[in-house]
N, C-alpha and C. Protein backbone atom coordinates (compact mmCIF):
# COMPACT_ATOMS: atom_id res chain seq x y z
N MET A 1 13.37 -5.74 48.76
CA MET A 1 13.45 -7.10 48.24
C MET A 1 12.31 -7.38 47.27
N ALA A 2 11.12 -6.84 47.55
CA ALA A 2 9.98 -7.09 46.67
C ALA A 2 10.22 -6.50 45.29
N VAL A 3 10.79 -5.30 45.25
CA VAL A 3 11.06 -4.67 43.95
C VAL A 3 12.13 -5.45 43.21
N LEU A 4 13.17 -5.88 43.89
CA LEU A 4 14.24 -6.64 43.24
C LEU A 4 13.71 -7.97 42.71
N SER A 5 12.94 -8.70 43.51
CA SER A 5 12.43 -9.98 43.04
C SER A 5 11.47 -9.78 41.88
N HIS A 6 10.67 -8.72 41.92
CA HIS A 6 9.75 -8.45 40.81
C HIS A 6 10.54 -8.15 39.54
N TRP A 7 11.60 -7.39 39.65
CA TRP A 7 12.40 -7.07 38.48
C TRP A 7 13.03 -8.35 37.91
N LEU A 8 13.50 -9.23 38.79
CA LEU A 8 14.11 -10.47 38.31
C LEU A 8 13.10 -11.34 37.58
N LEU A 9 11.87 -11.42 38.10
CA LEU A 9 10.83 -12.18 37.41
C LEU A 9 10.45 -11.49 36.09
N ASP A 10 10.41 -10.16 36.08
CA ASP A 10 10.15 -9.44 34.84
C ASP A 10 11.25 -9.72 33.82
N PHE A 11 12.49 -9.81 34.27
CA PHE A 11 13.62 -10.12 33.39
C PHE A 11 13.38 -11.44 32.67
N LEU A 12 12.86 -12.43 33.38
CA LEU A 12 12.58 -13.72 32.76
C LEU A 12 11.47 -13.64 31.72
N THR A 13 10.45 -12.86 32.00
CA THR A 13 9.25 -12.89 31.17
C THR A 13 9.20 -11.84 30.06
N HIS A 14 9.71 -10.65 30.30
CA HIS A 14 9.59 -9.56 29.34
C HIS A 14 10.50 -9.76 28.14
N ARG A 15 10.07 -9.16 27.03
CA ARG A 15 10.98 -9.04 25.89
C ARG A 15 12.05 -8.03 26.31
N PRO A 16 13.12 -7.86 25.56
CA PRO A 16 14.17 -6.91 25.98
C PRO A 16 13.67 -5.47 26.03
N ASP A 17 13.01 -5.10 27.14
CA ASP A 17 12.53 -3.72 27.31
C ASP A 17 12.80 -3.19 28.72
N LEU A 18 13.60 -3.91 29.50
CA LEU A 18 13.90 -3.50 30.88
C LEU A 18 15.29 -2.89 30.96
N PRO A 19 15.40 -1.62 31.32
CA PRO A 19 16.73 -1.01 31.44
C PRO A 19 17.39 -1.39 32.76
N LEU A 20 18.70 -1.58 32.72
CA LEU A 20 19.45 -1.82 33.95
C LEU A 20 19.62 -0.53 34.73
N TRP A 21 19.69 0.60 34.04
CA TRP A 21 19.74 1.94 34.61
C TRP A 21 19.23 2.88 33.52
N PRO A 22 18.98 4.13 33.83
CA PRO A 22 18.45 5.05 32.80
C PRO A 22 19.36 5.12 31.57
N ASP A 23 18.74 5.08 30.41
CA ASP A 23 19.43 5.14 29.12
C ASP A 23 20.42 4.00 28.89
N ALA A 24 20.20 2.86 29.56
CA ALA A 24 21.10 1.71 29.41
C ALA A 24 20.52 0.74 28.37
N THR A 25 21.31 -0.24 28.03
CA THR A 25 20.83 -1.32 27.17
C THR A 25 19.67 -2.00 27.86
N ARG A 26 18.66 -2.33 27.11
CA ARG A 26 17.47 -2.97 27.68
C ARG A 26 17.62 -4.48 27.58
N VAL A 27 17.15 -5.17 28.63
CA VAL A 27 17.32 -6.62 28.72
C VAL A 27 15.97 -7.30 28.96
N GLY A 28 15.95 -8.60 28.77
CA GLY A 28 14.78 -9.43 29.00
C GLY A 28 14.90 -10.71 28.19
N LEU A 29 14.47 -11.83 28.77
CA LEU A 29 14.62 -13.12 28.10
C LEU A 29 13.42 -13.50 27.23
N GLY A 30 12.30 -12.81 27.38
CA GLY A 30 11.16 -13.04 26.49
C GLY A 30 10.41 -14.33 26.72
N LEU A 31 10.29 -14.77 27.96
CA LEU A 31 9.54 -16.00 28.25
C LEU A 31 8.11 -15.93 27.72
N TRP A 32 7.53 -14.74 27.69
CA TRP A 32 6.16 -14.57 27.20
C TRP A 32 6.02 -14.96 25.74
N ASN A 33 7.10 -15.08 25.01
CA ASN A 33 7.03 -15.49 23.62
C ASN A 33 6.66 -16.96 23.48
N SER A 34 6.73 -17.71 24.57
CA SER A 34 6.38 -19.13 24.58
C SER A 34 5.22 -19.35 25.55
N VAL A 35 4.05 -19.68 25.00
CA VAL A 35 2.88 -19.91 25.86
C VAL A 35 3.12 -21.09 26.82
N PRO A 36 3.63 -22.24 26.35
CA PRO A 36 3.86 -23.35 27.29
C PRO A 36 4.84 -22.99 28.41
N ALA A 37 5.91 -22.28 28.08
CA ALA A 37 6.88 -21.88 29.10
C ALA A 37 6.26 -20.90 30.08
N THR A 38 5.45 -19.97 29.58
CA THR A 38 4.78 -19.01 30.45
C THR A 38 3.83 -19.71 31.40
N LEU A 39 3.03 -20.64 30.87
CA LEU A 39 2.10 -21.38 31.72
C LEU A 39 2.84 -22.21 32.77
N ALA A 40 3.91 -22.86 32.37
CA ALA A 40 4.70 -23.65 33.32
C ALA A 40 5.25 -22.77 34.44
N MET A 41 5.76 -21.60 34.09
CA MET A 41 6.32 -20.69 35.09
C MET A 41 5.23 -20.16 36.01
N GLU A 42 4.14 -19.67 35.45
CA GLU A 42 3.09 -19.06 36.27
C GLU A 42 2.41 -20.09 37.17
N ILE A 43 2.05 -21.24 36.62
CA ILE A 43 1.40 -22.28 37.42
C ILE A 43 2.37 -22.83 38.45
N GLY A 44 3.62 -23.00 38.05
CA GLY A 44 4.63 -23.48 38.99
C GLY A 44 4.83 -22.54 40.17
N LEU A 45 4.88 -21.24 39.91
CA LEU A 45 5.03 -20.26 40.99
C LEU A 45 3.80 -20.26 41.91
N PHE A 46 2.61 -20.39 41.33
CA PHE A 46 1.38 -20.45 42.11
C PHE A 46 1.40 -21.67 43.04
N VAL A 47 1.73 -22.83 42.50
CA VAL A 47 1.78 -24.06 43.30
C VAL A 47 2.86 -23.97 44.37
N CYS A 48 4.03 -23.45 44.03
CA CYS A 48 5.10 -23.29 45.03
C CYS A 48 4.68 -22.36 46.16
N GLY A 49 4.00 -21.26 45.82
CA GLY A 49 3.51 -20.34 46.85
C GLY A 49 2.52 -21.01 47.78
N ILE A 50 1.62 -21.79 47.22
CA ILE A 50 0.64 -22.52 48.04
C ILE A 50 1.36 -23.50 48.95
N LEU A 51 2.28 -24.27 48.40
CA LEU A 51 3.02 -25.26 49.21
C LEU A 51 3.80 -24.60 50.34
N LEU A 52 4.47 -23.49 50.04
CA LEU A 52 5.23 -22.79 51.09
C LEU A 52 4.30 -22.32 52.21
N TYR A 53 3.15 -21.77 51.83
CA TYR A 53 2.21 -21.26 52.84
C TYR A 53 1.60 -22.39 53.66
N VAL A 54 1.20 -23.47 53.00
CA VAL A 54 0.57 -24.59 53.71
C VAL A 54 1.57 -25.28 54.63
N ARG A 55 2.81 -25.37 54.22
CA ARG A 55 3.82 -26.03 55.05
C ARG A 55 4.29 -25.16 56.22
N SER A 56 4.12 -23.85 56.11
CA SER A 56 4.61 -22.98 57.18
C SER A 56 3.50 -22.49 58.11
N THR A 57 2.25 -22.84 57.80
CA THR A 57 1.13 -22.47 58.67
C THR A 57 0.22 -23.67 58.88
N ARG A 58 -0.63 -23.55 59.88
CA ARG A 58 -1.65 -24.59 60.11
C ARG A 58 -2.93 -23.88 60.52
N ALA A 59 -4.04 -24.49 60.15
CA ALA A 59 -5.34 -23.89 60.45
C ALA A 59 -5.62 -23.94 61.95
N ARG A 60 -6.13 -22.83 62.49
CA ARG A 60 -6.57 -22.79 63.89
C ARG A 60 -7.97 -23.35 64.03
N ASP A 61 -8.75 -23.26 62.95
CA ASP A 61 -10.14 -23.70 62.99
C ASP A 61 -10.56 -24.08 61.57
N ALA A 62 -11.83 -24.46 61.42
CA ALA A 62 -12.34 -24.87 60.11
C ALA A 62 -12.25 -23.74 59.10
N ALA A 63 -12.47 -22.51 59.54
CA ALA A 63 -12.40 -21.37 58.62
C ALA A 63 -11.00 -21.24 58.04
N GLY A 64 -9.98 -21.48 58.85
CA GLY A 64 -8.61 -21.39 58.38
C GLY A 64 -8.25 -22.47 57.38
N HIS A 65 -8.99 -23.56 57.39
CA HIS A 65 -8.75 -24.65 56.44
C HIS A 65 -9.56 -24.46 55.16
N TRP A 66 -10.88 -24.39 55.30
CA TRP A 66 -11.76 -24.40 54.14
C TRP A 66 -11.70 -23.11 53.32
N THR A 67 -11.56 -21.98 53.97
CA THR A 67 -11.52 -20.74 53.20
C THR A 67 -10.21 -20.60 52.42
N LEU A 68 -9.13 -21.18 52.94
CA LEU A 68 -7.88 -21.17 52.17
C LEU A 68 -8.08 -21.92 50.86
N TRP A 69 -8.65 -23.12 50.93
CA TRP A 69 -8.82 -23.92 49.72
C TRP A 69 -9.88 -23.34 48.80
N ALA A 70 -10.85 -22.65 49.37
CA ALA A 70 -11.84 -21.96 48.53
C ALA A 70 -11.17 -20.83 47.75
N LEU A 71 -10.27 -20.09 48.39
CA LEU A 71 -9.55 -19.01 47.72
C LEU A 71 -8.64 -19.58 46.63
N VAL A 72 -7.93 -20.67 46.94
CA VAL A 72 -7.06 -21.30 45.94
C VAL A 72 -7.89 -21.73 44.72
N ALA A 73 -9.06 -22.33 44.97
CA ALA A 73 -9.93 -22.77 43.87
C ALA A 73 -10.42 -21.57 43.06
N LEU A 74 -10.83 -20.50 43.74
CA LEU A 74 -11.30 -19.32 43.03
C LEU A 74 -10.18 -18.71 42.18
N LEU A 75 -8.99 -18.62 42.74
CA LEU A 75 -7.86 -18.06 41.98
C LEU A 75 -7.56 -18.93 40.75
N GLY A 76 -7.68 -20.26 40.92
CA GLY A 76 -7.49 -21.16 39.77
C GLY A 76 -8.54 -20.93 38.70
N LEU A 77 -9.79 -20.75 39.12
CA LEU A 77 -10.87 -20.48 38.16
C LEU A 77 -10.66 -19.13 37.45
N ILE A 78 -10.23 -18.13 38.20
CA ILE A 78 -9.96 -16.83 37.59
C ILE A 78 -8.84 -16.94 36.56
N TYR A 79 -7.80 -17.69 36.90
CA TYR A 79 -6.68 -17.87 35.97
C TYR A 79 -7.15 -18.58 34.71
N ALA A 80 -7.94 -19.65 34.88
CA ALA A 80 -8.46 -20.37 33.72
C ALA A 80 -9.34 -19.46 32.87
N GLY A 81 -10.16 -18.64 33.52
CA GLY A 81 -11.00 -17.71 32.78
C GLY A 81 -10.18 -16.70 31.99
N ASN A 82 -9.07 -16.26 32.58
CA ASN A 82 -8.19 -15.33 31.86
C ASN A 82 -7.56 -15.98 30.64
N LEU A 83 -7.23 -17.26 30.77
CA LEU A 83 -6.60 -17.97 29.66
C LEU A 83 -7.59 -18.31 28.55
N LEU A 84 -8.78 -18.75 28.94
CA LEU A 84 -9.71 -19.31 27.98
C LEU A 84 -10.84 -18.37 27.57
N GLY A 85 -11.07 -17.34 28.35
CA GLY A 85 -12.19 -16.44 28.09
C GLY A 85 -11.85 -15.34 27.10
N PRO A 86 -12.87 -14.59 26.71
CA PRO A 86 -12.64 -13.47 25.79
C PRO A 86 -11.95 -12.31 26.51
N PRO A 87 -11.38 -11.39 25.77
CA PRO A 87 -10.77 -10.21 26.40
C PRO A 87 -11.86 -9.34 27.02
N PRO A 88 -11.48 -8.48 27.95
CA PRO A 88 -12.45 -7.58 28.57
C PRO A 88 -13.13 -6.71 27.51
N PRO A 89 -14.40 -6.36 27.73
CA PRO A 89 -15.12 -5.58 26.72
C PRO A 89 -14.64 -4.14 26.59
N ASP A 90 -14.15 -3.56 27.69
CA ASP A 90 -13.69 -2.18 27.64
C ASP A 90 -12.81 -1.87 28.84
N VAL A 91 -12.26 -0.68 28.85
CA VAL A 91 -11.35 -0.26 29.92
C VAL A 91 -12.07 -0.16 31.26
N LEU A 92 -13.33 0.22 31.25
CA LEU A 92 -14.10 0.32 32.49
C LEU A 92 -14.21 -1.04 33.18
N ALA A 93 -14.41 -2.09 32.42
CA ALA A 93 -14.47 -3.43 33.00
C ALA A 93 -13.14 -3.81 33.64
N ILE A 94 -12.04 -3.46 32.99
CA ILE A 94 -10.72 -3.73 33.56
C ILE A 94 -10.55 -2.96 34.87
N ALA A 95 -10.99 -1.72 34.89
CA ALA A 95 -10.88 -0.90 36.10
C ALA A 95 -11.68 -1.50 37.25
N TRP A 96 -12.92 -1.93 36.98
CA TRP A 96 -13.75 -2.51 38.05
C TRP A 96 -13.13 -3.79 38.59
N VAL A 97 -12.66 -4.64 37.71
CA VAL A 97 -12.04 -5.89 38.15
C VAL A 97 -10.75 -5.60 38.91
N GLY A 98 -9.98 -4.64 38.45
CA GLY A 98 -8.75 -4.26 39.15
C GLY A 98 -9.02 -3.81 40.58
N HIS A 99 -10.04 -2.99 40.74
CA HIS A 99 -10.39 -2.54 42.10
C HIS A 99 -10.97 -3.67 42.93
N ALA A 100 -11.75 -4.55 42.32
CA ALA A 100 -12.36 -5.66 43.05
C ALA A 100 -11.31 -6.65 43.56
N GLN A 101 -10.13 -6.65 42.96
CA GLN A 101 -9.08 -7.57 43.41
C GLN A 101 -8.67 -7.30 44.86
N TRP A 102 -8.94 -6.10 45.36
CA TRP A 102 -8.64 -5.82 46.77
C TRP A 102 -9.47 -6.71 47.68
N LEU A 103 -10.61 -7.20 47.22
CA LEU A 103 -11.40 -8.15 48.01
C LEU A 103 -10.63 -9.45 48.21
N LEU A 104 -9.83 -9.85 47.22
CA LEU A 104 -9.01 -11.05 47.36
C LEU A 104 -7.92 -10.84 48.42
N VAL A 105 -7.36 -9.65 48.46
CA VAL A 105 -6.36 -9.33 49.48
C VAL A 105 -6.99 -9.40 50.87
N ALA A 106 -8.18 -8.83 51.02
CA ALA A 106 -8.88 -8.87 52.30
C ALA A 106 -9.21 -10.31 52.69
N TRP A 107 -9.62 -11.11 51.72
CA TRP A 107 -9.92 -12.52 51.98
C TRP A 107 -8.65 -13.24 52.46
N GLY A 108 -7.53 -13.01 51.80
CA GLY A 108 -6.27 -13.62 52.22
C GLY A 108 -5.87 -13.19 53.63
N TYR A 109 -6.07 -11.93 53.94
CA TYR A 109 -5.78 -11.43 55.29
C TYR A 109 -6.67 -12.14 56.31
N TRP A 110 -7.94 -12.29 55.99
CA TRP A 110 -8.88 -12.96 56.90
C TRP A 110 -8.48 -14.42 57.10
N ILE A 111 -8.08 -15.09 56.03
CA ILE A 111 -7.61 -16.48 56.15
C ILE A 111 -6.41 -16.55 57.06
N ASP A 112 -5.49 -15.62 56.87
CA ASP A 112 -4.25 -15.64 57.67
C ASP A 112 -4.54 -15.45 59.16
N ARG A 113 -5.60 -14.73 59.48
CA ARG A 113 -5.99 -14.54 60.89
C ARG A 113 -6.52 -15.85 61.50
N HIS A 114 -6.88 -16.82 60.66
CA HIS A 114 -7.38 -18.10 61.13
C HIS A 114 -6.34 -19.20 60.98
N ARG A 115 -5.11 -18.81 60.77
CA ARG A 115 -4.01 -19.78 60.67
C ARG A 115 -2.88 -19.33 61.59
N GLU A 116 -2.00 -20.24 61.94
CA GLU A 116 -0.87 -19.91 62.79
C GLU A 116 0.41 -20.49 62.20
N THR A 117 1.52 -19.88 62.54
CA THR A 117 2.82 -20.33 62.05
C THR A 117 3.18 -21.65 62.72
N VAL A 118 3.73 -22.55 61.92
CA VAL A 118 4.14 -23.87 62.44
C VAL A 118 5.49 -23.76 63.10
């Protein structure tokens, strides 16, 4: 399901470069060609994900509450930095940041351990 949903989202955003099968006609709606549409889609998906998680879980303790919102704020700042900041200086910087993103996954896992399903 994750691969299928990812492909469907790629279909919305990519230019026509996604094959339906090997050597097939390539498809894509090209949402990335419109900055406002891209921002609306990405921010909308982020907000929907937060709402789904907050409505389906509840904090067991203060850590489950405050660290969730700290992570949401940090992710928002990272997104704003990606939009407004300069491009990375080199490939090594991209590699370090890519590997450091696993810390965000660990943080999310830790938050989830302090929340329970409603």
